[in-house]
Amino acid sequence: MAAPLGAVDYQNDIQAILKEHCWECHSNEKEVKGGLAFDDIADLSRSAINPVGLIRPGDPEKSDFVARLKLDEEEDDFMPKNGKPLRAGDLAKIEQWIREGALIDAANPSEVEKARMEDVKLANARSGGEVYFQWTNTQGKVIEAKYSGLEGDAVKITMKNGKSFVVPLTGLSPESAALAKKLGGQ
């Protein structure tokens, strides 16, 4: 799976924000406090960006990193320590980056990142997000629509124009039927 066009990534979007606000205390260039160096990409991917780490791909609300950035600056755990709160736009960009899977380089995602992006996409689709898939019927016709739910042995899909259809799984290509079942948790 390729990264979505325009995906927010660490190298192009996030690193500059962190250099401005976090580098003094969290880089190998300056100092590594708390065992977190934002310039050590391999270590960052391995230890901080994972389902139980500081940065939880796909879920900024459960990411301790974001929680610390959002604290009142008087709080002990507020980050950046002794600094000013991030601008709202910078914080929103970090949250978007995490929501999209916390990619390091969107142009060259690793196999782990590709799998993570797929998981994030499926989770967003299940929760009613604006995630559109290519659905193919047994005759080879393709439409783009979002998943709206399983109804027995059929999938409900909704096109961008708002029109919804209930399509029997037997009327879909094997790949599209498998996608519907996967989205439905089967």
N, C-alpha and C. Protein backbone atom coordinates (compact mmCIF):
# COMPACT_ATOMS: atom_id res chain seq x y z
N MET A 1 0.84 -1.18 0.00
CA MET A 1 0.00 0.00 0.00
C MET A 1 0.88 1.24 0.00
N ALA A 2 0.66 2.12 -0.94
CA ALA A 2 1.40 3.37 -1.00
C ALA A 2 0.78 4.36 -0.03
N ALA A 3 1.60 5.31 0.40
CA ALA A 3 1.07 6.34 1.29
C ALA A 3 0.10 7.21 0.51
N PRO A 4 -0.95 7.69 1.17
CA PRO A 4 -1.89 8.56 0.49
C PRO A 4 -1.20 9.83 0.03
N LEU A 5 -1.61 10.32 -1.13
CA LEU A 5 -1.07 11.55 -1.66
C LEU A 5 -1.29 12.67 -0.65
N GLY A 6 -0.26 13.40 -0.32
CA GLY A 6 -0.40 14.49 0.63
C GLY A 6 -0.35 14.06 2.09
N ALA A 7 0.05 12.81 2.34
CA ALA A 7 0.12 12.33 3.72
C ALA A 7 1.14 13.15 4.50
N VAL A 8 0.82 13.42 5.73
CA VAL A 8 1.75 14.12 6.62
C VAL A 8 2.81 13.12 7.05
N ASP A 9 4.06 13.49 6.99
CA ASP A 9 5.11 12.59 7.45
C ASP A 9 6.12 13.34 8.31
N TYR A 10 6.95 12.56 8.99
CA TYR A 10 7.91 13.11 9.93
C TYR A 10 8.94 14.00 9.21
N GLN A 11 9.53 13.46 8.16
CA GLN A 11 10.64 14.17 7.51
C GLN A 11 10.22 15.50 6.89
N ASN A 12 9.04 15.54 6.29
CA ASN A 12 8.63 16.75 5.58
C ASN A 12 7.78 17.72 6.40
N ASP A 13 7.14 17.24 7.45
CA ASP A 13 6.19 18.08 8.16
C ASP A 13 6.44 18.22 9.65
N ILE A 14 6.87 17.17 10.30
CA ILE A 14 6.93 17.15 11.76
C ILE A 14 8.30 17.50 12.31
N GLN A 15 9.33 17.06 11.65
CA GLN A 15 10.68 17.28 12.16
C GLN A 15 10.98 18.77 12.38
N ALA A 16 10.55 19.62 11.48
CA ALA A 16 10.81 21.07 11.64
C ALA A 16 10.13 21.62 12.89
N ILE A 17 8.92 21.15 13.17
CA ILE A 17 8.21 21.59 14.39
C ILE A 17 9.00 21.14 15.62
N LEU A 18 9.45 19.89 15.61
CA LEU A 18 10.19 19.37 16.75
C LEU A 18 11.55 20.04 16.90
N LYS A 19 12.19 20.38 15.79
CA LYS A 19 13.46 21.11 15.87
C LYS A 19 13.27 22.46 16.55
N GLU A 20 12.17 23.10 16.26
CA GLU A 20 11.89 24.41 16.85
C GLU A 20 11.57 24.31 18.34
N HIS A 21 10.86 23.27 18.75
CA HIS A 21 10.35 23.21 20.11
C HIS A 21 11.00 22.16 21.02
N CYS A 22 11.57 21.11 20.46
CA CYS A 22 11.97 19.96 21.27
C CYS A 22 13.44 19.57 21.17
N TRP A 23 14.13 20.07 20.17
CA TRP A 23 15.48 19.60 19.85
C TRP A 23 16.48 19.81 20.98
N GLU A 24 16.37 20.92 21.70
CA GLU A 24 17.32 21.23 22.77
C GLU A 24 17.45 20.08 23.76
N CYS A 25 16.33 19.43 24.07
CA CYS A 25 16.33 18.38 25.09
C CYS A 25 16.19 16.97 24.52
N HIS A 26 15.82 16.87 23.25
CA HIS A 26 15.53 15.54 22.71
C HIS A 26 16.18 15.33 21.34
N SER A 27 17.50 15.51 21.30
CA SER A 27 18.23 15.20 20.07
C SER A 27 19.66 14.80 20.41
N ASN A 28 20.25 14.02 19.55
CA ASN A 28 21.65 13.64 19.73
C ASN A 28 22.56 14.83 19.47
N GLU A 29 22.08 15.84 18.77
CA GLU A 29 22.86 17.05 18.51
C GLU A 29 23.07 17.86 19.79
N LYS A 30 22.07 17.86 20.67
CA LYS A 30 22.10 18.69 21.86
C LYS A 30 22.15 17.85 23.13
N GLU A 31 21.03 17.21 23.47
CA GLU A 31 20.92 16.44 24.70
C GLU A 31 19.78 15.45 24.53
N VAL A 32 19.90 14.30 25.15
CA VAL A 32 18.84 13.30 25.07
C VAL A 32 18.26 13.09 26.46
N LYS A 33 17.19 13.78 26.74
CA LYS A 33 16.52 13.63 28.03
C LYS A 33 15.40 12.61 27.88
N GLY A 34 15.16 11.87 28.93
CA GLY A 34 14.08 10.89 28.93
C GLY A 34 14.27 9.76 27.94
N GLY A 35 15.48 9.59 27.43
CA GLY A 35 15.75 8.52 26.48
C GLY A 35 15.08 8.71 25.13
N LEU A 36 14.67 9.94 24.80
CA LEU A 36 13.95 10.21 23.56
C LEU A 36 14.74 11.19 22.71
N ALA A 37 15.21 10.70 21.56
CA ALA A 37 15.94 11.54 20.61
C ALA A 37 15.15 11.58 19.31
N PHE A 38 14.61 12.75 18.97
CA PHE A 38 13.79 12.88 17.77
C PHE A 38 14.61 12.83 16.49
N ASP A 39 15.94 12.87 16.58
CA ASP A 39 16.75 12.78 15.37
C ASP A 39 17.26 11.36 15.12
N ASP A 40 16.97 10.44 16.00
CA ASP A 40 17.34 9.03 15.81
C ASP A 40 16.12 8.30 15.27
N ILE A 41 15.97 8.34 13.95
CA ILE A 41 14.76 7.81 13.29
C ILE A 41 14.56 6.33 13.60
N ALA A 42 15.61 5.55 13.57
CA ALA A 42 15.47 4.11 13.82
C ALA A 42 14.96 3.87 15.24
N ASP A 43 15.54 4.56 16.21
CA ASP A 43 15.11 4.39 17.60
C ASP A 43 13.70 4.95 17.81
N LEU A 44 13.42 6.07 17.17
CA LEU A 44 12.09 6.67 17.27
C LEU A 44 11.03 5.70 16.76
N SER A 45 11.28 5.09 15.62
CA SER A 45 10.33 4.13 15.05
C SER A 45 10.18 2.90 15.93
N ARG A 46 11.29 2.44 16.48
CA ARG A 46 11.28 1.21 17.26
C ARG A 46 10.67 1.40 18.65
N SER A 47 11.02 2.48 19.32
CA SER A 47 10.62 2.60 20.72
C SER A 47 9.48 3.57 20.98
N ALA A 48 9.44 4.70 20.30
CA ALA A 48 8.43 5.71 20.62
C ALA A 48 7.17 5.58 19.78
N ILE A 49 7.31 5.16 18.52
CA ILE A 49 6.15 5.05 17.63
C ILE A 49 5.72 3.60 17.57
N ASN A 50 4.78 3.24 18.41
CA ASN A 50 4.23 1.88 18.41
C ASN A 50 2.94 1.89 19.22
N PRO A 51 2.19 0.80 19.19
CA PRO A 51 0.88 0.81 19.86
C PRO A 51 0.92 1.08 21.35
N VAL A 52 2.06 0.93 22.01
CA VAL A 52 2.13 1.19 23.45
C VAL A 52 3.12 2.30 23.80
N GLY A 53 3.70 2.94 22.79
CA GLY A 53 4.71 3.97 23.03
C GLY A 53 4.12 5.35 23.24
N LEU A 54 5.00 6.34 23.23
CA LEU A 54 4.58 7.73 23.39
C LEU A 54 3.67 8.18 22.26
N ILE A 55 3.95 7.67 21.07
CA ILE A 55 3.19 8.03 19.87
C ILE A 55 2.47 6.78 19.41
N ARG A 56 1.15 6.80 19.49
CA ARG A 56 0.35 5.62 19.12
C ARG A 56 -0.27 5.88 17.75
N PRO A 57 0.33 5.33 16.70
CA PRO A 57 -0.14 5.59 15.34
C PRO A 57 -1.64 5.33 15.20
N GLY A 58 -2.32 6.31 14.59
CA GLY A 58 -3.75 6.21 14.36
C GLY A 58 -4.57 6.76 15.51
N ASP A 59 -3.94 7.06 16.64
CA ASP A 59 -4.71 7.44 17.83
C ASP A 59 -4.03 8.55 18.63
N PRO A 60 -4.11 9.79 18.14
CA PRO A 60 -3.45 10.87 18.88
C PRO A 60 -4.02 11.07 20.28
N GLU A 61 -5.30 10.72 20.48
CA GLU A 61 -5.93 10.89 21.79
C GLU A 61 -5.30 9.98 22.84
N LYS A 62 -4.70 8.88 22.43
CA LYS A 62 -4.06 7.95 23.37
C LYS A 62 -2.54 8.08 23.36
N SER A 63 -2.03 9.06 22.64
CA SER A 63 -0.58 9.27 22.55
C SER A 63 -0.12 10.20 23.67
N ASP A 64 0.73 9.67 24.54
CA ASP A 64 1.25 10.45 25.66
C ASP A 64 1.97 11.70 25.17
N PHE A 65 2.61 11.60 24.04
CA PHE A 65 3.33 12.72 23.45
C PHE A 65 2.37 13.91 23.26
N VAL A 66 1.23 13.67 22.67
CA VAL A 66 0.23 14.73 22.44
C VAL A 66 -0.33 15.22 23.77
N ALA A 67 -0.61 14.30 24.67
CA ALA A 67 -1.17 14.68 25.97
C ALA A 67 -0.25 15.67 26.68
N ARG A 68 1.06 15.43 26.63
CA ARG A 68 2.02 16.33 27.30
C ARG A 68 2.07 17.70 26.62
N LEU A 69 1.90 17.71 25.31
CA LEU A 69 1.91 18.97 24.58
C LEU A 69 0.66 19.80 24.88
N LYS A 70 -0.42 19.13 25.26
CA LYS A 70 -1.68 19.82 25.52
C LYS A 70 -1.88 20.25 26.98
N LEU A 71 -0.99 19.82 27.87
CA LEU A 71 -1.11 20.20 29.27
C LEU A 71 -0.94 21.70 29.44
N ASP A 72 -1.44 22.23 30.53
CA ASP A 72 -1.19 23.61 30.89
C ASP A 72 0.30 23.75 31.18
N GLU A 73 0.88 24.84 30.78
CA GLU A 73 2.34 24.98 30.94
C GLU A 73 2.81 25.00 32.38
N GLU A 74 1.89 25.11 33.34
CA GLU A 74 2.24 25.04 34.75
C GLU A 74 2.36 23.60 35.26
N GLU A 75 1.84 22.64 34.49
CA GLU A 75 1.88 21.22 34.89
C GLU A 75 3.32 20.69 34.81
N ASP A 76 3.65 19.77 35.71
CA ASP A 76 5.01 19.19 35.75
C ASP A 76 5.38 18.45 34.47
N ASP A 77 4.42 17.76 33.86
CA ASP A 77 4.72 16.95 32.67
C ASP A 77 4.55 17.71 31.36
N PHE A 78 4.23 19.02 31.43
CA PHE A 78 4.06 19.82 30.22
C PHE A 78 5.33 19.79 29.38
N MET A 79 5.15 19.68 28.09
CA MET A 79 6.25 19.78 27.14
C MET A 79 5.87 20.81 26.09
N PRO A 80 6.84 21.57 25.63
CA PRO A 80 8.25 21.52 25.95
C PRO A 80 8.56 22.16 27.31
N LYS A 81 9.33 21.43 28.09
CA LYS A 81 9.72 21.88 29.42
C LYS A 81 10.37 23.26 29.30
N ASN A 82 9.97 24.18 30.12
CA ASN A 82 10.49 25.55 30.12
C ASN A 82 10.30 26.27 28.79
N GLY A 83 9.35 25.81 28.02
CA GLY A 83 9.09 26.45 26.74
C GLY A 83 7.67 26.94 26.64
N LYS A 84 7.33 27.47 25.51
CA LYS A 84 5.99 27.96 25.25
C LYS A 84 5.18 26.84 24.58
N PRO A 85 3.88 26.84 24.80
CA PRO A 85 3.04 25.85 24.13
C PRO A 85 3.18 25.96 22.61
N LEU A 86 3.00 24.84 21.94
CA LEU A 86 3.05 24.84 20.49
C LEU A 86 1.88 25.65 19.94
N ARG A 87 2.09 26.23 18.77
CA ARG A 87 1.00 26.93 18.09
C ARG A 87 -0.08 25.90 17.74
N ALA A 88 -1.32 26.33 17.70
CA ALA A 88 -2.45 25.44 17.42
C ALA A 88 -2.25 24.69 16.10
N GLY A 89 -1.74 25.38 15.09
CA GLY A 89 -1.52 24.75 13.78
C GLY A 89 -0.46 23.65 13.85
N ASP A 90 0.59 23.87 14.64
CA ASP A 90 1.64 22.86 14.79
C ASP A 90 1.11 21.65 15.54
N LEU A 91 0.34 21.89 16.58
CA LEU A 91 -0.24 20.78 17.34
C LEU A 91 -1.21 19.99 16.46
N ALA A 92 -2.01 20.69 15.68
CA ALA A 92 -2.95 20.01 14.77
C ALA A 92 -2.20 19.16 13.75
N LYS A 93 -1.07 19.66 13.27
CA LYS A 93 -0.27 18.91 12.28
C LYS A 93 0.29 17.64 12.92
N ILE A 94 0.76 17.74 14.16
CA ILE A 94 1.26 16.55 14.87
C ILE A 94 0.14 15.53 15.06
N GLU A 95 -1.03 16.01 15.45
CA GLU A 95 -2.17 15.11 15.63
C GLU A 95 -2.56 14.45 14.32
N GLN A 96 -2.55 15.21 13.23
CA GLN A 96 -2.86 14.64 11.92
C GLN A 96 -1.83 13.57 11.54
N TRP A 97 -0.56 13.87 11.79
CA TRP A 97 0.52 12.92 11.49
C TRP A 97 0.27 11.61 12.22
N ILE A 98 -0.04 11.68 13.49
CA ILE A 98 -0.28 10.47 14.28
C ILE A 98 -1.54 9.77 13.78
N ARG A 99 -2.62 10.53 13.54
CA ARG A 99 -3.87 9.95 13.06
C ARG A 99 -3.67 9.18 11.76
N GLU A 100 -2.78 9.68 10.89
CA GLU A 100 -2.53 9.05 9.59
C GLU A 100 -1.54 7.89 9.68
N GLY A 101 -1.02 7.60 10.86
CA GLY A 101 -0.14 6.44 11.00
C GLY A 101 1.28 6.76 11.40
N ALA A 102 1.61 8.01 11.66
CA ALA A 102 2.95 8.42 12.10
C ALA A 102 4.05 7.94 11.17
N LEU A 103 3.89 8.26 9.89
CA LEU A 103 4.89 7.87 8.89
C LEU A 103 6.16 8.69 9.03
N ILE A 104 7.28 8.03 8.83
CA ILE A 104 8.56 8.73 8.83
C ILE A 104 8.78 9.40 7.48
N ASP A 105 8.65 8.64 6.40
CA ASP A 105 8.84 9.16 5.04
C ASP A 105 7.69 8.61 4.19
N ALA A 106 6.70 9.44 3.91
CA ALA A 106 5.51 8.99 3.18
C ALA A 106 5.84 8.48 1.78
N ALA A 107 6.91 8.99 1.18
CA ALA A 107 7.28 8.54 -0.16
C ALA A 107 7.87 7.14 -0.15
N ASN A 108 8.42 6.72 0.99
CA ASN A 108 9.06 5.41 1.09
C ASN A 108 8.68 4.72 2.40
N PRO A 109 7.41 4.38 2.57
CA PRO A 109 7.02 3.75 3.84
C PRO A 109 7.63 2.36 3.99
N SER A 110 8.01 2.04 5.22
CA SER A 110 8.54 0.70 5.50
C SER A 110 7.38 -0.29 5.47
N GLU A 111 7.69 -1.57 5.51
CA GLU A 111 6.65 -2.59 5.54
C GLU A 111 5.80 -2.45 6.81
N VAL A 112 6.44 -2.12 7.92
CA VAL A 112 5.71 -1.90 9.18
C VAL A 112 4.76 -0.72 9.02
N GLU A 113 5.23 0.36 8.40
CA GLU A 113 4.38 1.54 8.21
C GLU A 113 3.24 1.24 7.25
N LYS A 114 3.49 0.47 6.21
CA LYS A 114 2.43 0.10 5.27
C LYS A 114 1.32 -0.67 6.00
N ALA A 115 1.72 -1.61 6.82
CA ALA A 115 0.73 -2.39 7.58
C ALA A 115 -0.02 -1.48 8.55
N ARG A 116 0.71 -0.57 9.19
CA ARG A 116 0.11 0.36 10.13
C ARG A 116 -0.89 1.28 9.42
N MET A 117 -0.54 1.75 8.23
CA MET A 117 -1.45 2.60 7.46
C MET A 117 -2.72 1.85 7.10
N GLU A 118 -2.58 0.59 6.74
CA GLU A 118 -3.76 -0.23 6.42
C GLU A 118 -4.64 -0.38 7.65
N ASP A 119 -4.04 -0.64 8.80
CA ASP A 119 -4.81 -0.77 10.04
C ASP A 119 -5.53 0.53 10.38
N VAL A 120 -4.84 1.66 10.22
CA VAL A 120 -5.44 2.96 10.50
C VAL A 120 -6.59 3.23 9.53
N LYS A 121 -6.38 2.91 8.26
CA LYS A 121 -7.43 3.12 7.25
C LYS A 121 -8.66 2.28 7.58
N LEU A 122 -8.46 1.02 7.93
CA LEU A 122 -9.59 0.15 8.27
C LEU A 122 -10.31 0.65 9.52
N ALA A 123 -9.56 1.06 10.52
CA ALA A 123 -10.17 1.58 11.76
C ALA A 123 -10.98 2.84 11.47
N ASN A 124 -10.43 3.73 10.64
CA ASN A 124 -11.15 4.95 10.29
C ASN A 124 -12.42 4.63 9.49
N ALA A 125 -12.33 3.66 8.60
CA ALA A 125 -13.51 3.27 7.81
C ALA A 125 -14.58 2.67 8.71
N ARG A 126 -14.19 1.82 9.65
CA ARG A 126 -15.15 1.20 10.57
C ARG A 126 -15.85 2.23 11.43
N SER A 127 -15.16 3.30 11.77
CA SER A 127 -15.74 4.31 12.66
C SER A 127 -16.50 5.39 11.89
N GLY A 128 -16.73 5.17 10.60
CA GLY A 128 -17.52 6.11 9.82
C GLY A 128 -16.75 7.24 9.20
N GLY A 129 -15.42 7.15 9.19
CA GLY A 129 -14.59 8.20 8.60
C GLY A 129 -14.77 8.27 7.09
N GLU A 130 -14.29 9.34 6.52
CA GLU A 130 -14.39 9.55 5.07
C GLU A 130 -13.28 8.78 4.35
N VAL A 131 -13.37 7.46 4.41
CA VAL A 131 -12.38 6.59 3.78
C VAL A 131 -13.08 5.86 2.64
N TYR A 132 -12.60 6.08 1.44
CA TYR A 132 -13.24 5.49 0.27
C TYR A 132 -12.39 4.36 -0.29
N PHE A 133 -13.07 3.33 -0.73
CA PHE A 133 -12.43 2.15 -1.30
C PHE A 133 -12.93 1.95 -2.73
N GLN A 134 -12.16 1.21 -3.49
CA GLN A 134 -12.58 0.79 -4.82
C GLN A 134 -13.31 -0.54 -4.66
N TRP A 135 -14.60 -0.57 -4.98
CA TRP A 135 -15.41 -1.78 -4.87
C TRP A 135 -15.66 -2.30 -6.28
N THR A 136 -15.38 -3.58 -6.50
CA THR A 136 -15.54 -4.19 -7.81
C THR A 136 -16.62 -5.26 -7.74
N ASN A 137 -17.55 -5.21 -8.72
CA ASN A 137 -18.57 -6.26 -8.74
C ASN A 137 -18.08 -7.44 -9.57
N THR A 138 -18.91 -8.46 -9.68
CA THR A 138 -18.49 -9.69 -10.39
C THR A 138 -18.34 -9.46 -11.89
N GLN A 139 -18.92 -8.38 -12.43
CA GLN A 139 -18.76 -8.06 -13.85
C GLN A 139 -17.54 -7.17 -14.12
N GLY A 140 -16.84 -6.78 -13.06
CA GLY A 140 -15.64 -5.96 -13.22
C GLY A 140 -15.87 -4.47 -13.11
N LYS A 141 -17.12 -4.04 -12.88
CA LYS A 141 -17.40 -2.61 -12.73
C LYS A 141 -16.88 -2.15 -11.36
N VAL A 142 -16.23 -0.99 -11.36
CA VAL A 142 -15.62 -0.45 -10.14
C VAL A 142 -16.30 0.86 -9.76
N ILE A 143 -16.63 1.00 -8.49
CA ILE A 143 -17.10 2.28 -7.97
C ILE A 143 -16.31 2.61 -6.72
N GLU A 144 -16.22 3.90 -6.44
CA GLU A 144 -15.54 4.36 -5.23
C GLU A 144 -16.62 4.72 -4.21
N ALA A 145 -16.52 4.10 -3.04
CA ALA A 145 -17.52 4.34 -2.00
C ALA A 145 -16.92 3.99 -0.65
N LYS A 146 -17.53 4.53 0.40
CA LYS A 146 -17.07 4.20 1.74
C LYS A 146 -17.93 3.08 2.31
N TYR A 147 -17.36 2.36 3.21
CA TYR A 147 -18.03 1.28 3.91
C TYR A 147 -18.99 1.88 4.92
N SER A 148 -20.24 1.40 4.91
CA SER A 148 -21.22 1.89 5.88
C SER A 148 -21.75 0.80 6.79
N GLY A 149 -21.36 -0.45 6.54
CA GLY A 149 -21.76 -1.52 7.44
C GLY A 149 -22.12 -2.80 6.70
N LEU A 150 -22.14 -3.88 7.47
CA LEU A 150 -22.59 -5.16 6.94
C LEU A 150 -24.05 -5.35 7.36
N GLU A 151 -24.83 -5.86 6.44
CA GLU A 151 -26.24 -6.16 6.71
C GLU A 151 -26.48 -7.58 6.26
N GLY A 152 -26.27 -8.53 7.19
CA GLY A 152 -26.40 -9.95 6.83
C GLY A 152 -25.31 -10.35 5.88
N ASP A 153 -25.71 -10.84 4.71
CA ASP A 153 -24.75 -11.25 3.68
C ASP A 153 -24.57 -10.18 2.62
N ALA A 154 -24.70 -8.92 3.03
CA ALA A 154 -24.56 -7.79 2.10
C ALA A 154 -23.78 -6.68 2.79
N VAL A 155 -23.18 -5.83 1.98
CA VAL A 155 -22.45 -4.68 2.50
C VAL A 155 -23.18 -3.41 2.06
N LYS A 156 -23.28 -2.46 2.98
CA LYS A 156 -23.85 -1.17 2.65
C LYS A 156 -22.68 -0.24 2.37
N ILE A 157 -22.70 0.38 1.18
CA ILE A 157 -21.66 1.31 0.79
C ILE A 157 -22.31 2.65 0.42
N THR A 158 -21.56 3.72 0.60
CA THR A 158 -22.07 5.06 0.33
C THR A 158 -21.08 5.80 -0.55
N MET A 159 -21.59 6.30 -1.66
CA MET A 159 -20.75 7.05 -2.60
C MET A 159 -20.56 8.48 -2.10
N LYS A 160 -19.63 9.20 -2.71
CA LYS A 160 -19.33 10.58 -2.31
C LYS A 160 -20.53 11.50 -2.49
N ASN A 161 -21.42 11.17 -3.41
CA ASN A 161 -22.61 12.00 -3.63
C ASN A 161 -23.71 11.71 -2.62
N GLY A 162 -23.45 10.78 -1.68
CA GLY A 162 -24.42 10.46 -0.64
C GLY A 162 -25.33 9.30 -0.94
N LYS A 163 -25.33 8.81 -2.17
CA LYS A 163 -26.18 7.67 -2.51
C LYS A 163 -25.62 6.40 -1.86
N SER A 164 -26.51 5.65 -1.23
CA SER A 164 -26.12 4.40 -0.57
C SER A 164 -26.70 3.21 -1.30
N PHE A 165 -25.98 2.10 -1.23
CA PHE A 165 -26.42 0.86 -1.86
C PHE A 165 -26.13 -0.29 -0.91
N VAL A 166 -27.01 -1.26 -0.93
CA VAL A 166 -26.77 -2.51 -0.22
C VAL A 166 -26.47 -3.54 -1.30
N VAL A 167 -25.25 -4.08 -1.25
CA VAL A 167 -24.79 -4.98 -2.30
C VAL A 167 -24.54 -6.36 -1.70
N PRO A 168 -25.18 -7.40 -2.25
CA PRO A 168 -24.91 -8.76 -1.75
C PRO A 168 -23.43 -9.10 -1.94
N LEU A 169 -22.84 -9.75 -0.96
CA LEU A 169 -21.43 -10.12 -1.06
C LEU A 169 -21.19 -11.01 -2.27
N THR A 170 -22.18 -11.80 -2.65
CA THR A 170 -22.04 -12.67 -3.83
C THR A 170 -21.98 -11.87 -5.12
N GLY A 171 -22.38 -10.59 -5.09
CA GLY A 171 -22.32 -9.75 -6.27
C GLY A 171 -21.00 -8.99 -6.40
N LEU A 172 -20.11 -9.19 -5.43
CA LEU A 172 -18.81 -8.51 -5.43
C LEU A 172 -17.70 -9.46 -5.86
N SER A 173 -16.61 -8.88 -6.35
CA SER A 173 -15.42 -9.67 -6.64
C SER A 173 -14.95 -10.30 -5.34
N PRO A 174 -14.19 -11.37 -5.41
CA PRO A 174 -13.68 -11.99 -4.18
C PRO A 174 -12.91 -11.01 -3.29
N GLU A 175 -12.13 -10.11 -3.91
CA GLU A 175 -11.34 -9.13 -3.15
C GLU A 175 -12.25 -8.13 -2.43
N SER A 176 -13.28 -7.65 -3.13
CA SER A 176 -14.19 -6.69 -2.51
C SER A 176 -15.05 -7.35 -1.42
N ALA A 177 -15.45 -8.60 -1.65
CA ALA A 177 -16.22 -9.32 -0.62
C ALA A 177 -15.34 -9.53 0.62
N ALA A 178 -14.07 -9.87 0.40
CA ALA A 178 -13.14 -10.06 1.53
C ALA A 178 -12.93 -8.76 2.28
N LEU A 179 -12.84 -7.63 1.57
CA LEU A 179 -12.70 -6.33 2.20
C LEU A 179 -13.93 -6.03 3.07
N ALA A 180 -15.11 -6.28 2.53
CA ALA A 180 -16.35 -6.03 3.29
C ALA A 180 -16.36 -6.85 4.58
N LYS A 181 -15.98 -8.12 4.47
CA LYS A 181 -15.95 -8.98 5.66
C LYS A 181 -14.90 -8.49 6.66
N LYS A 182 -13.74 -8.07 6.15
CA LYS A 182 -12.68 -7.57 7.03
C LYS A 182 -13.14 -6.31 7.77
N LEU A 183 -13.79 -5.41 7.03
CA LEU A 183 -14.30 -4.19 7.65
C LEU A 183 -15.40 -4.48 8.65
N GLY A 184 -16.15 -5.54 8.39
CA GLY A 184 -17.22 -5.93 9.29
C GLY A 184 -16.76 -6.79 10.46
N GLY A 185 -15.46 -7.05 10.50
CA GLY A 185 -14.89 -7.82 11.61
C GLY A 185 -15.08 -9.32 11.49
N GLN A 186 -15.31 -9.79 10.27
CA GLN A 186 -15.49 -11.25 10.06
C GLN A 186 -14.23 -11.88 9.53
